[in-house]
Amino acid sequence: MQSSRIVAFVAAGILCGIAVIGIVAVMSDAEDGALAGKLVYATVVLTVFSLVSLAGVLLSVRRPTLAWLGYLTVVAGLAAFALIVRKIWNGDAFFDNGWELSSSATLVALGLGQVSLLLGWARQSGPIRWIALAASAAIATLATLGVLATAIDDFEVGPRVIGVLAIVYLLGIALLPLVLLGVRKETEA
């Protein structure tokens, strides 16, 4: 058996074991669903950050020269997931005091996820690559500004700057599928 198959088999076994332990814990919860509620929140958070990590994996597979960015995206997604679940498990109210690190990690992970997704799909040259790069730069800048605003008390960014960056990002993600569709139709004709 290949080592990767052994690792996958062991990981699957561990996950199944954890699931059984979780089901037993939920069924024996004496607090009328408090544990189940935390698990629901953790599941939602896992859903979001698994998509972030999947974008990183996609980038590392589709663009091997950018695999480092894909791996960084996976690590950022896992770190943000762990930080937020820890806050949920501790019973901290959402976005009360002490969420700065978790919020910053979330912004970094979401920004990297979007950049990885855009760069993973933009392998062609020409307008597709330029649109993806512009949208990637805009979301990376928005995420960086968000982290700085979270970490530094006196850091402020004008709403016009945020608005322009948001429009460039939204335009990029709206144009990308349209241009890809147009290119595909041209090659089929």
Protein backbone atom coordinates (compact mmCIF):
# COMPACT_ATOMS: atom_id res chain seq x y z
CA MET A 1 0.00 0.00 0.00
CA GLN A 2 1.24 3.51 -0.78
CA SER A 3 2.11 5.76 2.13
CA SER A 4 -0.47 8.36 1.05
CA ARG A 5 -3.20 5.70 1.07
CA ILE A 6 -2.13 4.57 4.54
CA VAL A 7 -2.24 8.17 5.80
CA ALA A 8 -5.67 8.69 4.23
CA PHE A 9 -6.96 5.42 5.73
CA VAL A 10 -5.64 6.28 9.22
CA ALA A 11 -7.02 9.82 8.99
CA ALA A 12 -10.43 8.49 7.95
CA GLY A 13 -10.38 6.06 10.89
CA ILE A 14 -9.49 8.83 13.32
CA LEU A 15 -12.27 11.05 11.95
CA CYS A 16 -14.80 8.22 12.31
CA GLY A 17 -13.66 7.62 15.88
CA ILE A 18 -13.99 11.31 16.71
CA ALA A 19 -17.48 11.30 15.17
CA VAL A 20 -18.55 8.38 17.37
CA ILE A 21 -17.18 10.15 20.46
CA GLY A 22 -19.01 13.34 19.42
CA ILE A 23 -22.31 11.53 18.95
CA VAL A 24 -22.01 9.87 22.36
CA ALA A 25 -21.16 13.24 23.94
CA VAL A 26 -24.15 14.99 22.31
CA MET A 27 -26.53 12.22 23.30
CA SER A 28 -25.36 12.34 26.91
CA ASP A 29 -25.27 16.16 27.13
CA ALA A 30 -26.82 17.16 30.45
CA GLU A 31 -27.14 20.84 29.50
CA ASP A 32 -30.09 20.41 27.12
CA GLY A 33 -28.33 20.92 23.84
CA ALA A 34 -25.53 23.34 24.78
CA LEU A 35 -22.94 21.00 23.27
CA ALA A 36 -25.07 20.44 20.18
CA GLY A 37 -25.36 24.20 19.71
CA LYS A 38 -21.60 24.60 19.86
CA LEU A 39 -21.21 21.78 17.37
CA VAL A 40 -23.63 23.46 14.96
CA TYR A 41 -21.61 26.70 15.11
CA ALA A 42 -18.38 24.75 14.69
CA THR A 43 -19.86 22.97 11.66
CA VAL A 44 -20.77 26.27 10.00
CA VAL A 45 -17.28 27.61 10.66
CA LEU A 46 -15.74 24.38 9.33
CA THR A 47 -17.84 24.69 6.17
CA VAL A 48 -16.53 28.19 5.49
CA PHE A 49 -12.89 27.42 6.17
CA SER A 50 -12.91 24.08 4.36
CA LEU A 51 -13.91 26.03 1.25
CA VAL A 52 -11.02 28.42 1.90
CA SER A 53 -8.63 25.48 2.23
CA LEU A 54 -10.08 23.83 -0.87
CA ALA A 55 -9.28 26.98 -2.85
CA GLY A 56 -5.68 26.68 -1.64
CA VAL A 57 -5.51 23.04 -2.69
CA LEU A 58 -6.97 23.96 -6.10
CA LEU A 59 -4.30 26.61 -6.59
CA SER A 60 -1.46 24.26 -5.63
CA VAL A 61 -2.71 21.64 -8.10
CA ARG A 62 -3.58 23.92 -11.01
CA ARG A 63 -0.59 26.27 -10.72
CA PRO A 64 2.40 24.41 -9.22
CA THR A 65 4.53 27.55 -9.34
CA LEU A 66 2.07 29.11 -6.87
CA ALA A 67 1.75 26.00 -4.69
CA TRP A 68 3.34 27.88 -1.76
CA LEU A 69 0.42 30.33 -1.80
CA GLY A 70 -2.03 27.44 -1.92
CA TYR A 71 -0.37 25.78 1.08
CA LEU A 72 -0.35 29.10 2.94
CA THR A 73 -4.08 29.40 2.25
CA VAL A 74 -4.73 25.94 3.70
CA VAL A 75 -2.74 26.78 6.84
CA ALA A 76 -4.52 30.13 7.22
CA GLY A 77 -7.92 28.42 6.86
CA LEU A 78 -7.05 25.82 9.48
CA ALA A 79 -5.68 28.47 11.85
CA ALA A 80 -8.77 30.68 11.51
CA PHE A 81 -11.01 27.65 12.04
CA ALA A 82 -9.12 26.66 15.20
CA LEU A 83 -9.16 30.20 16.62
CA ILE A 84 -12.88 30.73 16.04
CA VAL A 85 -13.90 27.29 17.31
CA ARG A 86 -11.83 27.89 20.43
CA LYS A 87 -13.76 31.12 21.04
CA ILE A 88 -17.09 29.35 20.44
CA TRP A 89 -16.14 26.45 22.70
CA ASN A 90 -15.16 28.86 25.48
CA GLY A 91 -18.63 30.39 25.28
CA ASP A 92 -17.41 33.82 24.17
CA ALA A 93 -20.12 36.03 22.70
CA PHE A 94 -19.63 36.72 19.02
CA PHE A 95 -17.44 39.74 18.39
CA ASP A 96 -17.26 40.71 22.04
CA ASN A 97 -13.88 41.74 23.45
CA GLY A 98 -10.99 39.45 22.59
CA TRP A 99 -11.99 38.58 19.01
CA GLU A 100 -9.24 40.66 17.39
CA LEU A 101 -6.92 37.72 16.63
CA SER A 102 -9.77 35.50 15.41
CA SER A 103 -11.19 38.29 13.26
CA SER A 104 -7.79 39.07 11.75
CA ALA A 105 -7.15 35.38 11.04
CA THR A 106 -10.57 35.16 9.39
CA LEU A 107 -9.86 38.17 7.15
CA VAL A 108 -6.47 36.76 6.15
CA ALA A 109 -7.92 33.30 5.44
CA LEU A 110 -10.88 34.63 3.43
CA GLY A 111 -8.63 36.99 1.47
CA LEU A 112 -6.14 34.21 0.70
CA GLY A 113 -8.99 31.90 -0.25
CA GLN A 114 -10.36 34.38 -2.75
CA VAL A 115 -6.92 35.13 -4.20
CA SER A 116 -6.18 31.39 -4.49
CA LEU A 117 -9.47 30.76 -6.23
CA LEU A 118 -8.97 33.61 -8.67
CA LEU A 119 -5.37 32.68 -9.45
CA GLY A 120 -6.25 28.99 -9.71
CA TRP A 121 -8.75 29.68 -12.48
CA ALA A 122 -6.76 32.37 -14.26
CA ARG A 123 -4.16 30.22 -16.00
CA GLN A 124 -4.70 31.78 -19.40
CA SER A 125 -2.95 34.90 -20.58
CA GLY A 126 -4.58 38.06 -21.78
CA PRO A 127 -7.66 39.67 -20.26
CA ILE A 128 -8.53 36.73 -18.03
CA ARG A 129 -5.22 36.94 -16.21
CA TRP A 130 -5.43 40.74 -15.87
CA ILE A 131 -8.98 40.60 -14.51
CA ALA A 132 -8.00 37.91 -11.99
CA LEU A 133 -4.91 39.84 -10.91
CA ALA A 134 -6.87 43.08 -10.46
CA ALA A 135 -9.58 41.32 -8.42
CA SER A 136 -6.90 39.49 -6.39
CA ALA A 137 -5.08 42.74 -5.65
CA ALA A 138 -8.33 44.41 -4.59
CA ILE A 139 -9.41 41.62 -2.20
CA ALA A 140 -5.88 41.28 -0.80
CA THR A 141 -5.83 45.03 -0.12
CA LEU A 142 -9.30 44.93 1.46
CA ALA A 143 -8.29 42.04 3.72
CA THR A 144 -5.04 43.79 4.69
CA LEU A 145 -6.87 47.02 5.49
CA GLY A 146 -9.39 45.04 7.56
CA VAL A 147 -6.62 43.37 9.55
CA LEU A 148 -4.90 46.71 10.14
CA ALA A 149 -8.17 48.33 11.22
CA THR A 150 -8.76 45.44 13.63
CA ALA A 151 -5.24 45.43 15.06
CA ILE A 152 -4.54 49.18 15.27
CA ASP A 153 -6.99 51.33 17.20
CA ASP A 154 -6.33 54.60 15.36
CA PHE A 155 -6.10 53.09 11.89
CA GLU A 156 -8.86 54.37 9.64
CA VAL A 157 -9.52 53.95 5.96
CA GLY A 158 -11.88 56.25 4.15
CA PRO A 159 -15.13 54.75 2.89
CA ARG A 160 -14.32 55.89 -0.66
CA VAL A 161 -11.13 53.81 -0.71
CA ILE A 162 -13.01 50.76 0.56
CA GLY A 163 -15.82 51.42 -1.92
CA VAL A 164 -13.48 51.66 -4.91
CA LEU A 165 -11.61 48.49 -3.88
CA ALA A 166 -14.90 46.66 -3.37
CA ILE A 167 -16.15 47.72 -6.81
CA VAL A 168 -12.91 46.60 -8.49
CA TYR A 169 -13.15 43.24 -6.71
CA LEU A 170 -16.84 42.74 -7.51
CA LEU A 171 -16.32 43.80 -11.12
CA GLY A 172 -13.47 41.31 -11.43
CA ILE A 173 -15.41 38.37 -10.06
CA ALA A 174 -18.40 39.28 -12.22
CA LEU A 175 -16.34 39.73 -15.40
CA LEU A 176 -14.20 36.62 -14.98
CA PRO A 177 -16.92 34.03 -15.69
CA LEU A 178 -18.28 36.13 -18.54
CA VAL A 179 -14.88 36.41 -20.21
CA LEU A 180 -14.16 32.72 -19.59
CA LEU A 181 -17.48 31.85 -21.19
CA GLY A 182 -16.71 34.09 -24.15
CA VAL A 183 -13.28 32.53 -24.63
CA ARG A 184 -14.73 29.02 -24.41
CA LYS A 185 -17.37 29.84 -27.06
CA GLU A 186 -14.66 31.24 -29.37
CA THR A 187 -12.54 28.09 -29.10
CA GLU A 188 -15.55 25.84 -29.74
CA ALA A 189 -16.55 27.74 -32.89
